[in-house]
Structures are given as structure tokens and as C-alpha cells.
Amino acid sequence: ATLDETIDELAKLVTIEVKDRKRFK
């Protein structure tokens, strides 16, 4: 899947904050 779609799905299982997404990108 796309990167954003994958992260959105993972966020349903584990806590992913805005700063985690920014740092990851």
C-alpha cells in the first residue's frame, strides 16, 4: 500500500503521534 495508508492502518494498533510521522518522513 502507500506509505500514508500503511501508517494510518498501523495507527489503529499502536500510538503514532504527529511528531512520529514528521520524524519518520
PDBML (XML) file of the C-alpha atoms, coordinates in Angstrom:
<?xml version="1.0" encoding="UTF-8" ?>
<PDBx:datablock datablockName="MODEL"
   xmlns:PDBx="http://pdbml.pdb.org/schema/pdbx-v50.xsd"
   xmlns:xsi="http://www.w3.org/2001/XMLSchema-instance"
   xsi:schemaLocation="http://pdbml.pdb.org/schema/pdbx-v50.xsd pdbx-v50.xsd">
   <PDBx:atom_siteCategory>
      <PDBx:atom_site id="1">
         <PDBx:B_iso_or_equiv>0.00</PDBx:B_iso_or_equiv>
         <PDBx:Cartn_x>0.000</PDBx:Cartn_x>
         <PDBx:Cartn_y>0.000</PDBx:Cartn_y>
         <PDBx:Cartn_z>0.000</PDBx:Cartn_z>
         <PDBx:auth_asym_id>A</PDBx:auth_asym_id>
         <PDBx:auth_atom_id>CA</PDBx:auth_atom_id>
         <PDBx:auth_comp_id>ALA</PDBx:auth_comp_id>
         <PDBx:auth_seq_id>1</PDBx:auth_seq_id>
         <PDBx:group_PDB>ATOM</PDBx:group_PDB>
         <PDBx:label_alt_id xsi:nil="true" />
         <PDBx:label_asym_id>A</PDBx:label_asym_id>
         <PDBx:label_atom_id>CA</PDBx:label_atom_id>
         <PDBx:label_comp_id>ALA</PDBx:label_comp_id>
         <PDBx:label_entity_id>1</PDBx:label_entity_id>
         <PDBx:label_seq_id>1</PDBx:label_seq_id>
         <PDBx:occupancy>1.00</PDBx:occupancy>
         <PDBx:pdbx_PDB_model_num>1</PDBx:pdbx_PDB_model_num>
         <PDBx:type_symbol>C</PDBx:type_symbol>
      </PDBx:atom_site>
      <PDBx:atom_site id="2">
         <PDBx:B_iso_or_equiv>0.00</PDBx:B_iso_or_equiv>
         <PDBx:Cartn_x>1.093</PDBx:Cartn_x>
         <PDBx:Cartn_y>3.669</PDBx:Cartn_y>
         <PDBx:Cartn_z>0.016</PDBx:Cartn_z>
         <PDBx:auth_asym_id>A</PDBx:auth_asym_id>
         <PDBx:auth_atom_id>CA</PDBx:auth_atom_id>
         <PDBx:auth_comp_id>THR</PDBx:auth_comp_id>
         <PDBx:auth_seq_id>2</PDBx:auth_seq_id>
         <PDBx:group_PDB>ATOM</PDBx:group_PDB>
         <PDBx:label_alt_id xsi:nil="true" />
         <PDBx:label_asym_id>A</PDBx:label_asym_id>
         <PDBx:label_atom_id>CA</PDBx:label_atom_id>
         <PDBx:label_comp_id>THR</PDBx:label_comp_id>
         <PDBx:label_entity_id>1</PDBx:label_entity_id>
         <PDBx:label_seq_id>2</PDBx:label_seq_id>
         <PDBx:occupancy>1.00</PDBx:occupancy>
         <PDBx:pdbx_PDB_model_num>1</PDBx:pdbx_PDB_model_num>
         <PDBx:type_symbol>C</PDBx:type_symbol>
      </PDBx:atom_site>
      <PDBx:atom_site id="3">
         <PDBx:B_iso_or_equiv>0.00</PDBx:B_iso_or_equiv>
         <PDBx:Cartn_x>3.210</PDBx:Cartn_x>
         <PDBx:Cartn_y>4.922</PDBx:Cartn_y>
         <PDBx:Cartn_z>2.893</PDBx:Cartn_z>
         <PDBx:auth_asym_id>A</PDBx:auth_asym_id>
         <PDBx:auth_atom_id>CA</PDBx:auth_atom_id>
         <PDBx:auth_comp_id>LEU</PDBx:auth_comp_id>
         <PDBx:auth_seq_id>3</PDBx:auth_seq_id>
         <PDBx:group_PDB>ATOM</PDBx:group_PDB>
         <PDBx:label_alt_id xsi:nil="true" />
         <PDBx:label_asym_id>A</PDBx:label_asym_id>
         <PDBx:label_atom_id>CA</PDBx:label_atom_id>
         <PDBx:label_comp_id>LEU</PDBx:label_comp_id>
         <PDBx:label_entity_id>1</PDBx:label_entity_id>
         <PDBx:label_seq_id>3</PDBx:label_seq_id>
         <PDBx:occupancy>1.00</PDBx:occupancy>
         <PDBx:pdbx_PDB_model_num>1</PDBx:pdbx_PDB_model_num>
         <PDBx:type_symbol>C</PDBx:type_symbol>
      </PDBx:atom_site>
      <PDBx:atom_site id="4">
         <PDBx:B_iso_or_equiv>0.00</PDBx:B_iso_or_equiv>
         <PDBx:Cartn_x>0.462</PDBx:Cartn_x>
         <PDBx:Cartn_y>7.141</PDBx:Cartn_y>
         <PDBx:Cartn_z>4.316</PDBx:Cartn_z>
         <PDBx:auth_asym_id>A</PDBx:auth_asym_id>
         <PDBx:auth_atom_id>CA</PDBx:auth_atom_id>
         <PDBx:auth_comp_id>ASP</PDBx:auth_comp_id>
         <PDBx:auth_seq_id>4</PDBx:auth_seq_id>
         <PDBx:group_PDB>ATOM</PDBx:group_PDB>
         <PDBx:label_alt_id xsi:nil="true" />
         <PDBx:label_asym_id>A</PDBx:label_asym_id>
         <PDBx:label_atom_id>CA</PDBx:label_atom_id>
         <PDBx:label_comp_id>ASP</PDBx:label_comp_id>
         <PDBx:label_entity_id>1</PDBx:label_entity_id>
         <PDBx:label_seq_id>4</PDBx:label_seq_id>
         <PDBx:occupancy>1.00</PDBx:occupancy>
         <PDBx:pdbx_PDB_model_num>1</PDBx:pdbx_PDB_model_num>
         <PDBx:type_symbol>C</PDBx:type_symbol>
      </PDBx:atom_site>
      <PDBx:atom_site id="5">
         <PDBx:B_iso_or_equiv>0.00</PDBx:B_iso_or_equiv>
         <PDBx:Cartn_x>-2.163</PDBx:Cartn_x>
         <PDBx:Cartn_y>4.373</PDBx:Cartn_y>
         <PDBx:Cartn_z>4.070</PDBx:Cartn_z>
         <PDBx:auth_asym_id>A</PDBx:auth_asym_id>
         <PDBx:auth_atom_id>CA</PDBx:auth_atom_id>
         <PDBx:auth_comp_id>GLU</PDBx:auth_comp_id>
         <PDBx:auth_seq_id>5</PDBx:auth_seq_id>
         <PDBx:group_PDB>ATOM</PDBx:group_PDB>
         <PDBx:label_alt_id xsi:nil="true" />
         <PDBx:label_asym_id>A</PDBx:label_asym_id>
         <PDBx:label_atom_id>CA</PDBx:label_atom_id>
         <PDBx:label_comp_id>GLU</PDBx:label_comp_id>
         <PDBx:label_entity_id>1</PDBx:label_entity_id>
         <PDBx:label_seq_id>5</PDBx:label_seq_id>
         <PDBx:occupancy>1.00</PDBx:occupancy>
         <PDBx:pdbx_PDB_model_num>1</PDBx:pdbx_PDB_model_num>
         <PDBx:type_symbol>C</PDBx:type_symbol>
      </PDBx:atom_site>
      <PDBx:atom_site id="6">
         <PDBx:B_iso_or_equiv>0.00</PDBx:B_iso_or_equiv>
         <PDBx:Cartn_x>0.149</PDBx:Cartn_x>
         <PDBx:Cartn_y>1.943</PDBx:Cartn_y>
         <PDBx:Cartn_z>5.860</PDBx:Cartn_z>
         <PDBx:auth_asym_id>A</PDBx:auth_asym_id>
         <PDBx:auth_atom_id>CA</PDBx:auth_atom_id>
         <PDBx:auth_comp_id>THR</PDBx:auth_comp_id>
         <PDBx:auth_seq_id>6</PDBx:auth_seq_id>
         <PDBx:group_PDB>ATOM</PDBx:group_PDB>
         <PDBx:label_alt_id xsi:nil="true" />
         <PDBx:label_asym_id>A</PDBx:label_asym_id>
         <PDBx:label_atom_id>CA</PDBx:label_atom_id>
         <PDBx:label_comp_id>THR</PDBx:label_comp_id>
         <PDBx:label_entity_id>1</PDBx:label_entity_id>
         <PDBx:label_seq_id>6</PDBx:label_seq_id>
         <PDBx:occupancy>1.00</PDBx:occupancy>
         <PDBx:pdbx_PDB_model_num>1</PDBx:pdbx_PDB_model_num>
         <PDBx:type_symbol>C</PDBx:type_symbol>
      </PDBx:atom_site>
      <PDBx:atom_site id="7">
         <PDBx:B_iso_or_equiv>0.00</PDBx:B_iso_or_equiv>
         <PDBx:Cartn_x>0.862</PDBx:Cartn_x>
         <PDBx:Cartn_y>4.410</PDBx:Cartn_y>
         <PDBx:Cartn_z>8.671</PDBx:Cartn_z>
         <PDBx:auth_asym_id>A</PDBx:auth_asym_id>
         <PDBx:auth_atom_id>CA</PDBx:auth_atom_id>
         <PDBx:auth_comp_id>ILE</PDBx:auth_comp_id>
         <PDBx:auth_seq_id>7</PDBx:auth_seq_id>
         <PDBx:group_PDB>ATOM</PDBx:group_PDB>
         <PDBx:label_alt_id xsi:nil="true" />
         <PDBx:label_asym_id>A</PDBx:label_asym_id>
         <PDBx:label_atom_id>CA</PDBx:label_atom_id>
         <PDBx:label_comp_id>ILE</PDBx:label_comp_id>
         <PDBx:label_entity_id>1</PDBx:label_entity_id>
         <PDBx:label_seq_id>7</PDBx:label_seq_id>
         <PDBx:occupancy>1.00</PDBx:occupancy>
         <PDBx:pdbx_PDB_model_num>1</PDBx:pdbx_PDB_model_num>
         <PDBx:type_symbol>C</PDBx:type_symbol>
      </PDBx:atom_site>
      <PDBx:atom_site id="8">
         <PDBx:B_iso_or_equiv>0.00</PDBx:B_iso_or_equiv>
         <PDBx:Cartn_x>-2.872</PDBx:Cartn_x>
         <PDBx:Cartn_y>5.182</PDBx:Cartn_y>
         <PDBx:Cartn_z>9.074</PDBx:Cartn_z>
         <PDBx:auth_asym_id>A</PDBx:auth_asym_id>
         <PDBx:auth_atom_id>CA</PDBx:auth_atom_id>
         <PDBx:auth_comp_id>ASP</PDBx:auth_comp_id>
         <PDBx:auth_seq_id>8</PDBx:auth_seq_id>
         <PDBx:group_PDB>ATOM</PDBx:group_PDB>
         <PDBx:label_alt_id xsi:nil="true" />
         <PDBx:label_asym_id>A</PDBx:label_asym_id>
         <PDBx:label_atom_id>CA</PDBx:label_atom_id>
         <PDBx:label_comp_id>ASP</PDBx:label_comp_id>
         <PDBx:label_entity_id>1</PDBx:label_entity_id>
         <PDBx:label_seq_id>8</PDBx:label_seq_id>
         <PDBx:occupancy>1.00</PDBx:occupancy>
         <PDBx:pdbx_PDB_model_num>1</PDBx:pdbx_PDB_model_num>
         <PDBx:type_symbol>C</PDBx:type_symbol>
      </PDBx:atom_site>
      <PDBx:atom_site id="9">
         <PDBx:B_iso_or_equiv>0.00</PDBx:B_iso_or_equiv>
         <PDBx:Cartn_x>-3.629</PDBx:Cartn_x>
         <PDBx:Cartn_y>1.460</PDBx:Cartn_y>
         <PDBx:Cartn_z>9.465</PDBx:Cartn_z>
         <PDBx:auth_asym_id>A</PDBx:auth_asym_id>
         <PDBx:auth_atom_id>CA</PDBx:auth_atom_id>
         <PDBx:auth_comp_id>GLU</PDBx:auth_comp_id>
         <PDBx:auth_seq_id>9</PDBx:auth_seq_id>
         <PDBx:group_PDB>ATOM</PDBx:group_PDB>
         <PDBx:label_alt_id xsi:nil="true" />
         <PDBx:label_asym_id>A</PDBx:label_asym_id>
         <PDBx:label_atom_id>CA</PDBx:label_atom_id>
         <PDBx:label_comp_id>GLU</PDBx:label_comp_id>
         <PDBx:label_entity_id>1</PDBx:label_entity_id>
         <PDBx:label_seq_id>9</PDBx:label_seq_id>
         <PDBx:occupancy>1.00</PDBx:occupancy>
         <PDBx:pdbx_PDB_model_num>1</PDBx:pdbx_PDB_model_num>
         <PDBx:type_symbol>C</PDBx:type_symbol>
      </PDBx:atom_site>
      <PDBx:atom_site id="10">
         <PDBx:B_iso_or_equiv>0.00</PDBx:B_iso_or_equiv>
         <PDBx:Cartn_x>-0.737</PDBx:Cartn_x>
         <PDBx:Cartn_y>0.963</PDBx:Cartn_y>
         <PDBx:Cartn_z>11.913</PDBx:Cartn_z>
         <PDBx:auth_asym_id>A</PDBx:auth_asym_id>
         <PDBx:auth_atom_id>CA</PDBx:auth_atom_id>
         <PDBx:auth_comp_id>LEU</PDBx:auth_comp_id>
         <PDBx:auth_seq_id>10</PDBx:auth_seq_id>
         <PDBx:group_PDB>ATOM</PDBx:group_PDB>
         <PDBx:label_alt_id xsi:nil="true" />
         <PDBx:label_asym_id>A</PDBx:label_asym_id>
         <PDBx:label_atom_id>CA</PDBx:label_atom_id>
         <PDBx:label_comp_id>LEU</PDBx:label_comp_id>
         <PDBx:label_entity_id>1</PDBx:label_entity_id>
         <PDBx:label_seq_id>10</PDBx:label_seq_id>
         <PDBx:occupancy>1.00</PDBx:occupancy>
         <PDBx:pdbx_PDB_model_num>1</PDBx:pdbx_PDB_model_num>
         <PDBx:type_symbol>C</PDBx:type_symbol>
      </PDBx:atom_site>
      <PDBx:atom_site id="11">
         <PDBx:B_iso_or_equiv>0.00</PDBx:B_iso_or_equiv>
         <PDBx:Cartn_x>-2.048</PDBx:Cartn_x>
         <PDBx:Cartn_y>3.898</PDBx:Cartn_y>
         <PDBx:Cartn_z>13.990</PDBx:Cartn_z>
         <PDBx:auth_asym_id>A</PDBx:auth_asym_id>
         <PDBx:auth_atom_id>CA</PDBx:auth_atom_id>
         <PDBx:auth_comp_id>ALA</PDBx:auth_comp_id>
         <PDBx:auth_seq_id>11</PDBx:auth_seq_id>
         <PDBx:group_PDB>ATOM</PDBx:group_PDB>
         <PDBx:label_alt_id xsi:nil="true" />
         <PDBx:label_asym_id>A</PDBx:label_asym_id>
         <PDBx:label_atom_id>CA</PDBx:label_atom_id>
         <PDBx:label_comp_id>ALA</PDBx:label_comp_id>
         <PDBx:label_entity_id>1</PDBx:label_entity_id>
         <PDBx:label_seq_id>11</PDBx:label_seq_id>
         <PDBx:occupancy>1.00</PDBx:occupancy>
         <PDBx:pdbx_PDB_model_num>1</PDBx:pdbx_PDB_model_num>
         <PDBx:type_symbol>C</PDBx:type_symbol>
      </PDBx:atom_site>
      <PDBx:atom_site id="12">
         <PDBx:B_iso_or_equiv>0.00</PDBx:B_iso_or_equiv>
         <PDBx:Cartn_x>-5.138</PDBx:Cartn_x>
         <PDBx:Cartn_y>1.771</PDBx:Cartn_y>
         <PDBx:Cartn_z>14.760</PDBx:Cartn_z>
         <PDBx:auth_asym_id>A</PDBx:auth_asym_id>
         <PDBx:auth_atom_id>CA</PDBx:auth_atom_id>
         <PDBx:auth_comp_id>LYS</PDBx:auth_comp_id>
         <PDBx:auth_seq_id>12</PDBx:auth_seq_id>
         <PDBx:group_PDB>ATOM</PDBx:group_PDB>
         <PDBx:label_alt_id xsi:nil="true" />
         <PDBx:label_asym_id>A</PDBx:label_asym_id>
         <PDBx:label_atom_id>CA</PDBx:label_atom_id>
         <PDBx:label_comp_id>LYS</PDBx:label_comp_id>
         <PDBx:label_entity_id>1</PDBx:label_entity_id>
         <PDBx:label_seq_id>12</PDBx:label_seq_id>
         <PDBx:occupancy>1.00</PDBx:occupancy>
         <PDBx:pdbx_PDB_model_num>1</PDBx:pdbx_PDB_model_num>
         <PDBx:type_symbol>C</PDBx:type_symbol>
      </PDBx:atom_site>
      <PDBx:atom_site id="13">
         <PDBx:B_iso_or_equiv>0.00</PDBx:B_iso_or_equiv>
         <PDBx:Cartn_x>-2.871</PDBx:Cartn_x>
         <PDBx:Cartn_y>-0.750</PDBx:Cartn_y>
         <PDBx:Cartn_z>16.512</PDBx:Cartn_z>
         <PDBx:auth_asym_id>A</PDBx:auth_asym_id>
         <PDBx:auth_atom_id>CA</PDBx:auth_atom_id>
         <PDBx:auth_comp_id>LEU</PDBx:auth_comp_id>
         <PDBx:auth_seq_id>13</PDBx:auth_seq_id>
         <PDBx:group_PDB>ATOM</PDBx:group_PDB>
         <PDBx:label_alt_id xsi:nil="true" />
         <PDBx:label_asym_id>A</PDBx:label_asym_id>
         <PDBx:label_atom_id>CA</PDBx:label_atom_id>
         <PDBx:label_comp_id>LEU</PDBx:label_comp_id>
         <PDBx:label_entity_id>1</PDBx:label_entity_id>
         <PDBx:label_seq_id>13</PDBx:label_seq_id>
         <PDBx:occupancy>1.00</PDBx:occupancy>
         <PDBx:pdbx_PDB_model_num>1</PDBx:pdbx_PDB_model_num>
         <PDBx:type_symbol>C</PDBx:type_symbol>
      </PDBx:atom_site>
      <PDBx:atom_site id="14">
         <PDBx:B_iso_or_equiv>0.00</PDBx:B_iso_or_equiv>
         <PDBx:Cartn_x>-0.155</PDBx:Cartn_x>
         <PDBx:Cartn_y>1.357</PDBx:Cartn_y>
         <PDBx:Cartn_z>18.144</PDBx:Cartn_z>
         <PDBx:auth_asym_id>A</PDBx:auth_asym_id>
         <PDBx:auth_atom_id>CA</PDBx:auth_atom_id>
         <PDBx:auth_comp_id>VAL</PDBx:auth_comp_id>
         <PDBx:auth_seq_id>14</PDBx:auth_seq_id>
         <PDBx:group_PDB>ATOM</PDBx:group_PDB>
         <PDBx:label_alt_id xsi:nil="true" />
         <PDBx:label_asym_id>A</PDBx:label_asym_id>
         <PDBx:label_atom_id>CA</PDBx:label_atom_id>
         <PDBx:label_comp_id>VAL</PDBx:label_comp_id>
         <PDBx:label_entity_id>1</PDBx:label_entity_id>
         <PDBx:label_seq_id>14</PDBx:label_seq_id>
         <PDBx:occupancy>1.00</PDBx:occupancy>
         <PDBx:pdbx_PDB_model_num>1</PDBx:pdbx_PDB_model_num>
         <PDBx:type_symbol>C</PDBx:type_symbol>
      </PDBx:atom_site>
      <PDBx:atom_site id="15">
         <PDBx:B_iso_or_equiv>0.00</PDBx:B_iso_or_equiv>
         <PDBx:Cartn_x>0.064</PDBx:Cartn_x>
         <PDBx:Cartn_y>5.009</PDBx:Cartn_y>
         <PDBx:Cartn_z>19.201</PDBx:Cartn_z>
         <PDBx:auth_asym_id>A</PDBx:auth_asym_id>
         <PDBx:auth_atom_id>CA</PDBx:auth_atom_id>
         <PDBx:auth_comp_id>THR</PDBx:auth_comp_id>
         <PDBx:auth_seq_id>15</PDBx:auth_seq_id>
         <PDBx:group_PDB>ATOM</PDBx:group_PDB>
         <PDBx:label_alt_id xsi:nil="true" />
         <PDBx:label_asym_id>A</PDBx:label_asym_id>
         <PDBx:label_atom_id>CA</PDBx:label_atom_id>
         <PDBx:label_comp_id>THR</PDBx:label_comp_id>
         <PDBx:label_entity_id>1</PDBx:label_entity_id>
         <PDBx:label_seq_id>15</PDBx:label_seq_id>
         <PDBx:occupancy>1.00</PDBx:occupancy>
         <PDBx:pdbx_PDB_model_num>1</PDBx:pdbx_PDB_model_num>
         <PDBx:type_symbol>C</PDBx:type_symbol>
      </PDBx:atom_site>
      <PDBx:atom_site id="16">
         <PDBx:B_iso_or_equiv>0.00</PDBx:B_iso_or_equiv>
         <PDBx:Cartn_x>1.602</PDBx:Cartn_x>
         <PDBx:Cartn_y>7.121</PDBx:Cartn_y>
         <PDBx:Cartn_z>16.413</PDBx:Cartn_z>
         <PDBx:auth_asym_id>A</PDBx:auth_asym_id>
         <PDBx:auth_atom_id>CA</PDBx:auth_atom_id>
         <PDBx:auth_comp_id>ILE</PDBx:auth_comp_id>
         <PDBx:auth_seq_id>16</PDBx:auth_seq_id>
         <PDBx:group_PDB>ATOM</PDBx:group_PDB>
         <PDBx:label_alt_id xsi:nil="true" />
         <PDBx:label_asym_id>A</PDBx:label_asym_id>
         <PDBx:label_atom_id>CA</PDBx:label_atom_id>
         <PDBx:label_comp_id>ILE</PDBx:label_comp_id>
         <PDBx:label_entity_id>1</PDBx:label_entity_id>
         <PDBx:label_seq_id>16</PDBx:label_seq_id>
         <PDBx:occupancy>1.00</PDBx:occupancy>
         <PDBx:pdbx_PDB_model_num>1</PDBx:pdbx_PDB_model_num>
         <PDBx:type_symbol>C</PDBx:type_symbol>
      </PDBx:atom_site>
      <PDBx:atom_site id="17">
         <PDBx:B_iso_or_equiv>0.00</PDBx:B_iso_or_equiv>
         <PDBx:Cartn_x>1.795</PDBx:Cartn_x>
         <PDBx:Cartn_y>10.828</PDBx:Cartn_y>
         <PDBx:Cartn_z>17.150</PDBx:Cartn_z>
         <PDBx:auth_asym_id>A</PDBx:auth_asym_id>
         <PDBx:auth_atom_id>CA</PDBx:auth_atom_id>
         <PDBx:auth_comp_id>GLU</PDBx:auth_comp_id>
         <PDBx:auth_seq_id>17</PDBx:auth_seq_id>
         <PDBx:group_PDB>ATOM</PDBx:group_PDB>
         <PDBx:label_alt_id xsi:nil="true" />
         <PDBx:label_asym_id>A</PDBx:label_asym_id>
         <PDBx:label_atom_id>CA</PDBx:label_atom_id>
         <PDBx:label_comp_id>GLU</PDBx:label_comp_id>
         <PDBx:label_entity_id>1</PDBx:label_entity_id>
         <PDBx:label_seq_id>17</PDBx:label_seq_id>
         <PDBx:occupancy>1.00</PDBx:occupancy>
         <PDBx:pdbx_PDB_model_num>1</PDBx:pdbx_PDB_model_num>
         <PDBx:type_symbol>C</PDBx:type_symbol>
      </PDBx:atom_site>
      <PDBx:atom_site id="18">
         <PDBx:B_iso_or_equiv>0.00</PDBx:B_iso_or_equiv>
         <PDBx:Cartn_x>2.185</PDBx:Cartn_x>
         <PDBx:Cartn_y>13.717</PDBx:Cartn_y>
         <PDBx:Cartn_z>14.694</PDBx:Cartn_z>
         <PDBx:auth_asym_id>A</PDBx:auth_asym_id>
         <PDBx:auth_atom_id>CA</PDBx:auth_atom_id>
         <PDBx:auth_comp_id>VAL</PDBx:auth_comp_id>
         <PDBx:auth_seq_id>18</PDBx:auth_seq_id>
         <PDBx:group_PDB>ATOM</PDBx:group_PDB>
         <PDBx:label_alt_id xsi:nil="true" />
         <PDBx:label_asym_id>A</PDBx:label_asym_id>
         <PDBx:label_atom_id>CA</PDBx:label_atom_id>
         <PDBx:label_comp_id>VAL</PDBx:label_comp_id>
         <PDBx:label_entity_id>1</PDBx:label_entity_id>
         <PDBx:label_seq_id>18</PDBx:label_seq_id>
         <PDBx:occupancy>1.00</PDBx:occupancy>
         <PDBx:pdbx_PDB_model_num>1</PDBx:pdbx_PDB_model_num>
         <PDBx:type_symbol>C</PDBx:type_symbol>
      </PDBx:atom_site>
      <PDBx:atom_site id="19">
         <PDBx:B_iso_or_equiv>0.00</PDBx:B_iso_or_equiv>
         <PDBx:Cartn_x>5.843</PDBx:Cartn_x>
         <PDBx:Cartn_y>14.156</PDBx:Cartn_y>
         <PDBx:Cartn_z>15.705</PDBx:Cartn_z>
         <PDBx:auth_asym_id>A</PDBx:auth_asym_id>
         <PDBx:auth_atom_id>CA</PDBx:auth_atom_id>
         <PDBx:auth_comp_id>LYS</PDBx:auth_comp_id>
         <PDBx:auth_seq_id>19</PDBx:auth_seq_id>
         <PDBx:group_PDB>ATOM</PDBx:group_PDB>
         <PDBx:label_alt_id xsi:nil="true" />
         <PDBx:label_asym_id>A</PDBx:label_asym_id>
         <PDBx:label_atom_id>CA</PDBx:label_atom_id>
         <PDBx:label_comp_id>LYS</PDBx:label_comp_id>
         <PDBx:label_entity_id>1</PDBx:label_entity_id>
         <PDBx:label_seq_id>19</PDBx:label_seq_id>
         <PDBx:occupancy>1.00</PDBx:occupancy>
         <PDBx:pdbx_PDB_model_num>1</PDBx:pdbx_PDB_model_num>
         <PDBx:type_symbol>C</PDBx:type_symbol>
      </PDBx:atom_site>
      <PDBx:atom_site id="20">
         <PDBx:B_iso_or_equiv>0.00</PDBx:B_iso_or_equiv>
         <PDBx:Cartn_x>6.465</PDBx:Cartn_x>
         <PDBx:Cartn_y>10.435</PDBx:Cartn_y>
         <PDBx:Cartn_z>14.967</PDBx:Cartn_z>
         <PDBx:auth_asym_id>A</PDBx:auth_asym_id>
         <PDBx:auth_atom_id>CA</PDBx:auth_atom_id>
         <PDBx:auth_comp_id>ASP</PDBx:auth_comp_id>
         <PDBx:auth_seq_id>20</PDBx:auth_seq_id>
         <PDBx:group_PDB>ATOM</PDBx:group_PDB>
         <PDBx:label_alt_id xsi:nil="true" />
         <PDBx:label_asym_id>A</PDBx:label_asym_id>
         <PDBx:label_atom_id>CA</PDBx:label_atom_id>
         <PDBx:label_comp_id>ASP</PDBx:label_comp_id>
         <PDBx:label_entity_id>1</PDBx:label_entity_id>
         <PDBx:label_seq_id>20</PDBx:label_seq_id>
         <PDBx:occupancy>1.00</PDBx:occupancy>
         <PDBx:pdbx_PDB_model_num>1</PDBx:pdbx_PDB_model_num>
         <PDBx:type_symbol>C</PDBx:type_symbol>
      </PDBx:atom_site>
      <PDBx:atom_site id="21">
         <PDBx:B_iso_or_equiv>0.00</PDBx:B_iso_or_equiv>
         <PDBx:Cartn_x>5.117</PDBx:Cartn_x>
         <PDBx:Cartn_y>10.907</PDBx:Cartn_y>
         <PDBx:Cartn_z>11.428</PDBx:Cartn_z>
         <PDBx:auth_asym_id>A</PDBx:auth_asym_id>
         <PDBx:auth_atom_id>CA</PDBx:auth_atom_id>
         <PDBx:auth_comp_id>ARG</PDBx:auth_comp_id>
         <PDBx:auth_seq_id>21</PDBx:auth_seq_id>
         <PDBx:group_PDB>ATOM</PDBx:group_PDB>
         <PDBx:label_alt_id xsi:nil="true" />
         <PDBx:label_asym_id>A</PDBx:label_asym_id>
         <PDBx:label_atom_id>CA</PDBx:label_atom_id>
         <PDBx:label_comp_id>ARG</PDBx:label_comp_id>
         <PDBx:label_entity_id>1</PDBx:label_entity_id>
         <PDBx:label_seq_id>21</PDBx:label_seq_id>
         <PDBx:occupancy>1.00</PDBx:occupancy>
         <PDBx:pdbx_PDB_model_num>1</PDBx:pdbx_PDB_model_num>
         <PDBx:type_symbol>C</PDBx:type_symbol>
      </PDBx:atom_site>
      <PDBx:atom_site id="22">
         <PDBx:B_iso_or_equiv>0.00</PDBx:B_iso_or_equiv>
         <PDBx:Cartn_x>7.191</PDBx:Cartn_x>
         <PDBx:Cartn_y>14.063</PDBx:Cartn_y>
         <PDBx:Cartn_z>10.843</PDBx:Cartn_z>
         <PDBx:auth_asym_id>A</PDBx:auth_asym_id>
         <PDBx:auth_atom_id>CA</PDBx:auth_atom_id>
         <PDBx:auth_comp_id>LYS</PDBx:auth_comp_id>
         <PDBx:auth_seq_id>22</PDBx:auth_seq_id>
         <PDBx:group_PDB>ATOM</PDBx:group_PDB>
         <PDBx:label_alt_id xsi:nil="true" />
         <PDBx:label_asym_id>A</PDBx:label_asym_id>
         <PDBx:label_atom_id>CA</PDBx:label_atom_id>
         <PDBx:label_comp_id>LYS</PDBx:label_comp_id>
         <PDBx:label_entity_id>1</PDBx:label_entity_id>
         <PDBx:label_seq_id>22</PDBx:label_seq_id>
         <PDBx:occupancy>1.00</PDBx:occupancy>
         <PDBx:pdbx_PDB_model_num>1</PDBx:pdbx_PDB_model_num>
         <PDBx:type_symbol>C</PDBx:type_symbol>
      </PDBx:atom_site>
      <PDBx:atom_site id="23">
         <PDBx:B_iso_or_equiv>0.00</PDBx:B_iso_or_equiv>
         <PDBx:Cartn_x>10.372</PDBx:Cartn_x>
         <PDBx:Cartn_y>12.464</PDBx:Cartn_y>
         <PDBx:Cartn_z>12.119</PDBx:Cartn_z>
         <PDBx:auth_asym_id>A</PDBx:auth_asym_id>
         <PDBx:auth_atom_id>CA</PDBx:auth_atom_id>
         <PDBx:auth_comp_id>ARG</PDBx:auth_comp_id>
         <PDBx:auth_seq_id>23</PDBx:auth_seq_id>
         <PDBx:group_PDB>ATOM</PDBx:group_PDB>
         <PDBx:label_alt_id xsi:nil="true" />
         <PDBx:label_asym_id>A</PDBx:label_asym_id>
         <PDBx:label_atom_id>CA</PDBx:label_atom_id>
         <PDBx:label_comp_id>ARG</PDBx:label_comp_id>
         <PDBx:label_entity_id>1</PDBx:label_entity_id>
         <PDBx:label_seq_id>23</PDBx:label_seq_id>
         <PDBx:occupancy>1.00</PDBx:occupancy>
         <PDBx:pdbx_PDB_model_num>1</PDBx:pdbx_PDB_model_num>
         <PDBx:type_symbol>C</PDBx:type_symbol>
      </PDBx:atom_site>
      <PDBx:atom_site id="24">
         <PDBx:B_iso_or_equiv>0.00</PDBx:B_iso_or_equiv>
         <PDBx:Cartn_x>9.727</PDBx:Cartn_x>
         <PDBx:Cartn_y>9.316</PDBx:Cartn_y>
         <PDBx:Cartn_z>10.069</PDBx:Cartn_z>
         <PDBx:auth_asym_id>A</PDBx:auth_asym_id>
         <PDBx:auth_atom_id>CA</PDBx:auth_atom_id>
         <PDBx:auth_comp_id>PHE</PDBx:auth_comp_id>
         <PDBx:auth_seq_id>24</PDBx:auth_seq_id>
         <PDBx:group_PDB>ATOM</PDBx:group_PDB>
         <PDBx:label_alt_id xsi:nil="true" />
         <PDBx:label_asym_id>A</PDBx:label_asym_id>
         <PDBx:label_atom_id>CA</PDBx:label_atom_id>
         <PDBx:label_comp_id>PHE</PDBx:label_comp_id>
         <PDBx:label_entity_id>1</PDBx:label_entity_id>
         <PDBx:label_seq_id>24</PDBx:label_seq_id>
         <PDBx:occupancy>1.00</PDBx:occupancy>
         <PDBx:pdbx_PDB_model_num>1</PDBx:pdbx_PDB_model_num>
         <PDBx:type_symbol>C</PDBx:type_symbol>
      </PDBx:atom_site>
      <PDBx:atom_site id="25">
         <PDBx:B_iso_or_equiv>0.00</PDBx:B_iso_or_equiv>
         <PDBx:Cartn_x>9.244</PDBx:Cartn_x>
         <PDBx:Cartn_y>11.264</PDBx:Cartn_y>
         <PDBx:Cartn_z>6.824</PDBx:Cartn_z>
         <PDBx:auth_asym_id>A</PDBx:auth_asym_id>
         <PDBx:auth_atom_id>CA</PDBx:auth_atom_id>
         <PDBx:auth_comp_id>LYS</PDBx:auth_comp_id>
         <PDBx:auth_seq_id>25</PDBx:auth_seq_id>
         <PDBx:group_PDB>ATOM</PDBx:group_PDB>
         <PDBx:label_alt_id xsi:nil="true" />
         <PDBx:label_asym_id>A</PDBx:label_asym_id>
         <PDBx:label_atom_id>CA</PDBx:label_atom_id>
         <PDBx:label_comp_id>LYS</PDBx:label_comp_id>
         <PDBx:label_entity_id>1</PDBx:label_entity_id>
         <PDBx:label_seq_id>25</PDBx:label_seq_id>
         <PDBx:occupancy>1.00</PDBx:occupancy>
         <PDBx:pdbx_PDB_model_num>1</PDBx:pdbx_PDB_model_num>
         <PDBx:type_symbol>C</PDBx:type_symbol>
      </PDBx:atom_site>
   </PDBx:atom_siteCategory>
</PDBx:datablock>
